[in-house]
Amino acid sequence: MPRPPNRNPIKTHKLKAHRRGRRAERVAIFWLRVKGYRIVARNLRLPQGEIDVVARRGRALVFIEVKYRADIGLAQDAVTARQWQRIARAAAQFVGAQSALQGLRWRFDVMALAPYHWPRHRLNVWRAA
């Protein structure tokens, strides 16, 4: 007899959110490539934190947090200072292990996505101390 499908609403909601996030990251990466960025890493998980996209353009090494929300304004403001601090620690760990990336200027950006809107790439939204 076949097993009944998993109808746990919490798991279903989390799975849908995860899929939307992955799709948003793919759109963000496409958008960045169109703008002339070279993708260095994506979905980078380190002990210090997680970075959605690491890209390079010229002498700039850009750490990008991708946010998808129902409203583009909410997506742009969805990253807290605490999250940026974790991203900065992960960035330091990542660059420390990559000798080819040392000496580049770092930047922390947000790529905001929402239904029926073009992606919005906000540059240099946070500075590491």
N, C-alpha and C. Protein backbone atom coordinates (compact mmCIF):
# COMPACT_ATOMS: atom_id res chain seq x y z
N MET A 1 0.84 -1.17 0.00
CA MET A 1 0.00 0.00 0.00
C MET A 1 0.89 1.25 0.00
N PRO A 2 0.59 2.23 -0.87
CA PRO A 2 1.44 3.43 -0.94
C PRO A 2 1.32 4.27 0.32
N ARG A 3 2.41 4.92 0.61
CA ARG A 3 2.49 5.78 1.79
C ARG A 3 1.76 7.10 1.52
N PRO A 4 1.01 7.63 2.49
CA PRO A 4 0.32 8.90 2.27
C PRO A 4 1.33 10.05 2.17
N PRO A 5 1.01 11.06 1.37
CA PRO A 5 1.95 12.18 1.23
C PRO A 5 2.08 12.95 2.54
N ASN A 6 3.23 13.58 2.70
CA ASN A 6 3.50 14.39 3.89
C ASN A 6 2.69 15.68 3.78
N ARG A 7 1.78 15.88 4.66
CA ARG A 7 0.92 17.06 4.62
C ARG A 7 1.18 17.99 5.80
N ASN A 8 2.38 17.97 6.32
CA ASN A 8 2.74 18.85 7.41
C ASN A 8 2.86 20.27 6.85
N PRO A 9 1.97 21.20 7.26
CA PRO A 9 1.99 22.54 6.68
C PRO A 9 3.27 23.32 6.97
N ILE A 10 3.90 23.07 8.10
CA ILE A 10 5.13 23.79 8.42
C ILE A 10 6.25 23.36 7.48
N LYS A 11 6.39 22.06 7.27
CA LYS A 11 7.42 21.57 6.36
C LYS A 11 7.15 22.04 4.93
N THR A 12 5.90 22.02 4.52
CA THR A 12 5.53 22.46 3.17
C THR A 12 5.88 23.93 2.99
N HIS A 13 5.56 24.76 3.98
CA HIS A 13 5.86 26.19 3.91
C HIS A 13 7.36 26.43 3.82
N LYS A 14 8.14 25.74 4.65
CA LYS A 14 9.59 25.90 4.63
C LYS A 14 10.19 25.45 3.31
N LEU A 15 9.67 24.36 2.77
CA LEU A 15 10.17 23.87 1.49
C LEU A 15 9.89 24.88 0.38
N LYS A 16 8.69 25.44 0.37
CA LYS A 16 8.35 26.45 -0.64
C LYS A 16 9.24 27.69 -0.50
N ALA A 17 9.46 28.13 0.72
CA ALA A 17 10.32 29.29 0.96
C ALA A 17 11.75 29.00 0.50
N HIS A 18 12.23 27.81 0.77
CA HIS A 18 13.58 27.41 0.35
C HIS A 18 13.68 27.44 -1.18
N ARG A 19 12.68 26.91 -1.84
CA ARG A 19 12.68 26.89 -3.32
C ARG A 19 12.62 28.30 -3.89
N ARG A 20 11.81 29.19 -3.28
CA ARG A 20 11.74 30.58 -3.73
C ARG A 20 13.09 31.26 -3.55
N GLY A 21 13.75 30.99 -2.43
CA GLY A 21 15.06 31.57 -2.18
C GLY A 21 16.09 31.11 -3.19
N ARG A 22 16.10 29.84 -3.50
CA ARG A 22 17.05 29.31 -4.51
C ARG A 22 16.78 29.92 -5.89
N ARG A 23 15.51 30.04 -6.22
CA ARG A 23 15.14 30.64 -7.51
C ARG A 23 15.58 32.11 -7.55
N ALA A 24 15.37 32.82 -6.45
CA ALA A 24 15.80 34.22 -6.37
C ALA A 24 17.31 34.33 -6.53
N GLU A 25 18.06 33.42 -5.94
CA GLU A 25 19.52 33.44 -6.09
C GLU A 25 19.93 33.21 -7.54
N ARG A 26 19.25 32.31 -8.23
CA ARG A 26 19.56 32.08 -9.65
C ARG A 26 19.29 33.34 -10.48
N VAL A 27 18.18 34.00 -10.21
CA VAL A 27 17.84 35.25 -10.92
C VAL A 27 18.89 36.32 -10.61
N ALA A 28 19.28 36.43 -9.34
CA ALA A 28 20.28 37.42 -8.93
C ALA A 28 21.61 37.17 -9.63
N ILE A 29 22.01 35.91 -9.71
CA ILE A 29 23.28 35.58 -10.37
C ILE A 29 23.22 35.92 -11.85
N PHE A 30 22.11 35.61 -12.50
CA PHE A 30 21.95 35.99 -13.91
C PHE A 30 22.07 37.50 -14.06
N TRP A 31 21.37 38.23 -13.19
CA TRP A 31 21.37 39.70 -13.25
C TRP A 31 22.79 40.25 -13.04
N LEU A 32 23.52 39.68 -12.10
CA LEU A 32 24.89 40.12 -11.85
C LEU A 32 25.79 39.85 -13.05
N ARG A 33 25.64 38.70 -13.66
CA ARG A 33 26.45 38.38 -14.84
C ARG A 33 26.16 39.35 -15.98
N VAL A 34 24.91 39.70 -16.17
CA VAL A 34 24.53 40.67 -17.20
C VAL A 34 25.21 42.01 -16.93
N LYS A 35 25.34 42.37 -15.65
CA LYS A 35 25.96 43.63 -15.26
C LYS A 35 27.49 43.58 -15.28
N GLY A 36 28.07 42.43 -15.63
CA GLY A 36 29.51 42.33 -15.77
C GLY A 36 30.25 41.77 -14.58
N TYR A 37 29.55 41.18 -13.64
CA TYR A 37 30.19 40.56 -12.49
C TYR A 37 30.57 39.11 -12.82
N ARG A 38 31.66 38.67 -12.21
CA ARG A 38 32.06 37.27 -12.33
C ARG A 38 31.76 36.61 -10.99
N ILE A 39 31.02 35.53 -11.03
CA ILE A 39 30.62 34.84 -9.81
C ILE A 39 31.79 34.01 -9.30
N VAL A 40 32.20 34.26 -8.06
CA VAL A 40 33.32 33.56 -7.44
C VAL A 40 32.80 32.36 -6.65
N ALA A 41 31.69 32.56 -5.93
CA ALA A 41 31.11 31.48 -5.12
C ALA A 41 29.63 31.79 -4.89
N ARG A 42 28.88 30.74 -4.61
CA ARG A 42 27.46 30.91 -4.27
C ARG A 42 27.09 29.90 -3.20
N ASN A 43 26.09 30.27 -2.39
CA ASN A 43 25.64 29.42 -1.28
C ASN A 43 26.82 28.95 -0.44
N LEU A 44 27.64 29.87 -0.08
CA LEU A 44 28.87 29.58 0.66
C LEU A 44 28.53 29.45 2.14
N ARG A 45 28.76 28.26 2.69
CA ARG A 45 28.49 28.00 4.10
C ARG A 45 29.81 27.75 4.81
N LEU A 46 30.09 28.61 5.76
CA LEU A 46 31.32 28.53 6.53
C LEU A 46 30.97 28.50 8.02
N PRO A 47 31.88 28.08 8.88
CA PRO A 47 31.58 28.07 10.31
C PRO A 47 31.17 29.46 10.85
N GLN A 48 31.69 30.51 10.26
CA GLN A 48 31.39 31.87 10.72
C GLN A 48 30.03 32.39 10.24
N GLY A 49 29.52 31.83 9.15
CA GLY A 49 28.24 32.31 8.61
C GLY A 49 28.04 31.84 7.18
N GLU A 50 27.03 32.40 6.56
CA GLU A 50 26.66 32.02 5.20
C GLU A 50 26.65 33.25 4.30
N ILE A 51 27.12 33.07 3.08
CA ILE A 51 27.11 34.15 2.09
C ILE A 51 26.36 33.61 0.86
N ASP A 52 25.37 34.36 0.40
CA ASP A 52 24.57 33.91 -0.74
C ASP A 52 25.40 33.91 -2.03
N VAL A 53 26.03 35.06 -2.33
CA VAL A 53 26.80 35.18 -3.58
C VAL A 53 28.06 35.99 -3.30
N VAL A 54 29.17 35.49 -3.82
CA VAL A 54 30.42 36.25 -3.83
C VAL A 54 30.74 36.49 -5.30
N ALA A 55 30.90 37.77 -5.65
CA ALA A 55 31.16 38.12 -7.04
C ALA A 55 32.34 39.07 -7.10
N ARG A 56 32.89 39.19 -8.30
CA ARG A 56 34.03 40.09 -8.49
C ARG A 56 33.78 40.92 -9.74
N ARG A 57 34.14 42.19 -9.61
CA ARG A 57 34.06 43.09 -10.76
C ARG A 57 35.21 44.07 -10.63
N GLY A 58 36.17 43.93 -11.50
CA GLY A 58 37.38 44.75 -11.40
C GLY A 58 38.15 44.39 -10.15
N ARG A 59 38.48 45.41 -9.35
CA ARG A 59 39.23 45.21 -8.10
C ARG A 59 38.30 45.08 -6.90
N ALA A 60 36.99 44.96 -7.13
CA ALA A 60 36.03 44.86 -6.04
C ALA A 60 35.59 43.41 -5.85
N LEU A 61 35.63 42.97 -4.62
CA LEU A 61 35.10 41.67 -4.24
C LEU A 61 33.80 41.95 -3.50
N VAL A 62 32.70 41.45 -4.03
CA VAL A 62 31.38 41.84 -3.55
C VAL A 62 30.70 40.64 -2.89
N PHE A 63 30.23 40.86 -1.67
CA PHE A 63 29.49 39.86 -0.91
C PHE A 63 28.03 40.28 -0.96
N ILE A 64 27.20 39.45 -1.56
CA ILE A 64 25.82 39.84 -1.86
C ILE A 64 24.84 38.96 -1.11
N GLU A 65 23.95 39.61 -0.39
CA GLU A 65 22.86 38.93 0.30
C GLU A 65 21.62 39.07 -0.59
N VAL A 66 21.02 37.95 -0.95
CA VAL A 66 19.84 37.95 -1.81
C VAL A 66 18.61 37.81 -0.94
N LYS A 67 17.65 38.71 -1.15
CA LYS A 67 16.41 38.67 -0.38
C LYS A 67 15.22 38.71 -1.33
N TYR A 68 14.28 37.80 -1.10
CA TYR A 68 13.04 37.74 -1.86
C TYR A 68 11.89 37.96 -0.89
N ARG A 69 11.05 38.93 -1.18
CA ARG A 69 9.89 39.22 -0.36
C ARG A 69 8.72 39.55 -1.30
N ALA A 70 7.55 39.64 -0.72
CA ALA A 70 6.35 39.99 -1.49
C ALA A 70 6.41 41.45 -1.96
N ASP A 71 7.12 42.29 -1.21
CA ASP A 71 7.25 43.71 -1.54
C ASP A 71 8.73 44.03 -1.71
N ILE A 72 9.08 44.76 -2.76
CA ILE A 72 10.48 45.06 -3.05
C ILE A 72 11.12 45.89 -1.95
N GLY A 73 10.36 46.79 -1.34
CA GLY A 73 10.88 47.61 -0.24
C GLY A 73 11.24 46.77 0.97
N LEU A 74 10.39 45.79 1.28
CA LEU A 74 10.69 44.89 2.39
C LEU A 74 11.93 44.06 2.11
N ALA A 75 12.09 43.66 0.88
CA ALA A 75 13.26 42.86 0.51
C ALA A 75 14.54 43.66 0.66
N GLN A 76 14.50 44.95 0.30
CA GLN A 76 15.70 45.79 0.39
C GLN A 76 16.14 46.01 1.82
N ASP A 77 15.19 46.03 2.75
CA ASP A 77 15.50 46.33 4.14
C ASP A 77 15.51 45.10 5.03
N ALA A 78 15.58 43.92 4.46
CA ALA A 78 15.42 42.69 5.23
C ALA A 78 16.68 42.22 5.95
N VAL A 79 17.82 42.82 5.69
CA VAL A 79 19.07 42.35 6.30
C VAL A 79 19.40 43.23 7.51
N THR A 80 19.57 42.59 8.65
CA THR A 80 19.86 43.32 9.89
C THR A 80 21.37 43.50 10.05
N ALA A 81 21.74 44.39 10.97
CA ALA A 81 23.16 44.62 11.26
C ALA A 81 23.82 43.35 11.77
N ARG A 82 23.09 42.58 12.55
CA ARG A 82 23.64 41.32 13.07
C ARG A 82 23.94 40.34 11.94
N GLN A 83 23.05 40.27 10.95
CA GLN A 83 23.29 39.40 9.80
C GLN A 83 24.53 39.88 9.03
N TRP A 84 24.68 41.21 8.85
CA TRP A 84 25.84 41.72 8.14
C TRP A 84 27.12 41.37 8.89
N GLN A 85 27.08 41.40 10.21
CA GLN A 85 28.27 41.05 10.99
C GLN A 85 28.67 39.59 10.76
N ARG A 86 27.66 38.71 10.72
CA ARG A 86 27.95 37.29 10.42
C ARG A 86 28.51 37.14 9.00
N ILE A 87 27.94 37.87 8.07
CA ILE A 87 28.42 37.81 6.68
C ILE A 87 29.85 38.32 6.61
N ALA A 88 30.15 39.39 7.33
CA ALA A 88 31.51 39.95 7.33
C ALA A 88 32.52 38.96 7.92
N ARG A 89 32.14 38.26 8.99
CA ARG A 89 33.04 37.24 9.57
C ARG A 89 33.27 36.11 8.58
N ALA A 90 32.21 35.69 7.91
CA ALA A 90 32.35 34.64 6.90
C ALA A 90 33.20 35.13 5.73
N ALA A 91 33.03 36.38 5.35
CA ALA A 91 33.83 36.96 4.27
C ALA A 91 35.31 36.96 4.63
N ALA A 92 35.63 37.33 5.86
CA ALA A 92 37.03 37.34 6.30
C ALA A 92 37.61 35.94 6.27
N GLN A 93 36.83 34.97 6.70
CA GLN A 93 37.29 33.58 6.68
C GLN A 93 37.50 33.11 5.24
N PHE A 94 36.59 33.43 4.35
CA PHE A 94 36.67 33.01 2.96
C PHE A 94 37.88 33.63 2.26
N VAL A 95 38.06 34.93 2.42
CA VAL A 95 39.17 35.62 1.76
C VAL A 95 40.50 35.17 2.37
N GLY A 96 40.52 34.90 3.66
CA GLY A 96 41.75 34.43 4.30
C GLY A 96 42.24 33.11 3.74
N ALA A 97 41.31 32.30 3.25
CA ALA A 97 41.68 31.00 2.68
C ALA A 97 41.95 31.07 1.18
N GLN A 98 41.71 32.21 0.56
CA GLN A 98 41.87 32.37 -0.89
C GLN A 98 42.93 33.43 -1.17
N SER A 99 44.16 33.03 -1.38
CA SER A 99 45.24 34.01 -1.56
C SER A 99 45.03 34.87 -2.80
N ALA A 100 44.37 34.35 -3.82
CA ALA A 100 44.15 35.12 -5.05
C ALA A 100 43.18 36.29 -4.83
N LEU A 101 42.38 36.24 -3.77
CA LEU A 101 41.39 37.30 -3.53
C LEU A 101 41.86 38.35 -2.54
N GLN A 102 42.99 38.12 -1.92
CA GLN A 102 43.49 39.08 -0.94
C GLN A 102 43.98 40.33 -1.67
N GLY A 103 43.77 41.46 -1.06
CA GLY A 103 44.18 42.72 -1.67
C GLY A 103 43.08 43.40 -2.46
N LEU A 104 41.93 42.73 -2.61
CA LEU A 104 40.81 43.35 -3.31
C LEU A 104 40.00 44.20 -2.34
N ARG A 105 39.29 45.17 -2.86
CA ARG A 105 38.41 46.02 -2.06
C ARG A 105 37.10 45.29 -1.84
N TRP A 106 36.67 45.20 -0.60
CA TRP A 106 35.43 44.48 -0.26
C TRP A 106 34.24 45.42 -0.32
N ARG A 107 33.09 44.84 -0.68
CA ARG A 107 31.84 45.58 -0.67
C ARG A 107 30.72 44.64 -0.27
N PHE A 108 29.74 45.13 0.46
CA PHE A 108 28.60 44.33 0.89
C PHE A 108 27.33 44.91 0.27
N ASP A 109 26.67 44.12 -0.57
CA ASP A 109 25.49 44.55 -1.33
C ASP A 109 24.27 43.72 -0.98
N VAL A 110 23.11 44.23 -1.38
CA VAL A 110 21.85 43.48 -1.27
C VAL A 110 21.24 43.42 -2.66
N MET A 111 20.77 42.24 -3.04
CA MET A 111 20.00 42.07 -4.26
C MET A 111 18.58 41.75 -3.80
N ALA A 112 17.66 42.67 -4.04
CA ALA A 112 16.28 42.52 -3.60
C ALA A 112 15.41 42.09 -4.78
N LEU A 113 14.58 41.08 -4.52
CA LEU A 113 13.67 40.58 -5.55
C LEU A 113 12.26 40.47 -4.99
N ALA A 114 11.30 40.73 -5.85
CA ALA A 114 9.89 40.62 -5.49
C ALA A 114 9.11 40.31 -6.76
N PRO A 115 7.93 39.73 -6.61
CA PRO A 115 7.13 39.41 -7.80
C PRO A 115 6.82 40.67 -8.62
N TYR A 116 6.91 40.55 -9.91
CA TYR A 116 6.55 41.61 -10.87
C TYR A 116 7.44 42.85 -10.77
N HIS A 117 8.66 42.70 -10.26
CA HIS A 117 9.62 43.80 -10.19
C HIS A 117 10.94 43.33 -10.76
N TRP A 118 11.66 44.27 -11.34
CA TRP A 118 13.02 43.97 -11.73
C TRP A 118 13.86 43.84 -10.46
N PRO A 119 14.89 43.02 -10.48
CA PRO A 119 15.76 42.94 -9.31
C PRO A 119 16.39 44.30 -9.02
N ARG A 120 16.54 44.61 -7.75
CA ARG A 120 17.20 45.86 -7.34
C ARG A 120 18.50 45.53 -6.64
N HIS A 121 19.56 46.03 -7.20
CA HIS A 121 20.89 45.78 -6.66
C HIS A 121 21.33 47.03 -5.91
N ARG A 122 21.34 46.97 -4.59
CA ARG A 122 21.79 48.09 -3.76
C ARG A 122 23.25 47.88 -3.42
N LEU A 123 24.06 48.84 -3.80
CA LEU A 123 25.51 48.74 -3.63
C LEU A 123 25.96 49.29 -2.28
N ASN A 124 26.96 48.63 -1.71
CA ASN A 124 27.65 49.13 -0.53
C ASN A 124 26.69 49.54 0.59
N VAL A 125 25.80 48.64 0.96
CA VAL A 125 24.78 48.98 1.96
C VAL A 125 25.29 48.84 3.39
N TRP A 126 26.44 48.22 3.58
CA TRP A 126 26.98 48.03 4.91
C TRP A 126 28.49 48.06 4.85
N ARG A 127 29.11 48.60 5.86
CA ARG A 127 30.57 48.63 5.92
C ARG A 127 31.06 47.90 7.15
N ALA A 128 32.02 47.01 6.95
CA ALA A 128 32.63 46.30 8.07
C ALA A 128 33.54 47.26 8.82
N ALA A 129 33.55 47.13 10.13
CA ALA A 129 34.40 48.03 10.94
C ALA A 129 35.84 47.60 10.90
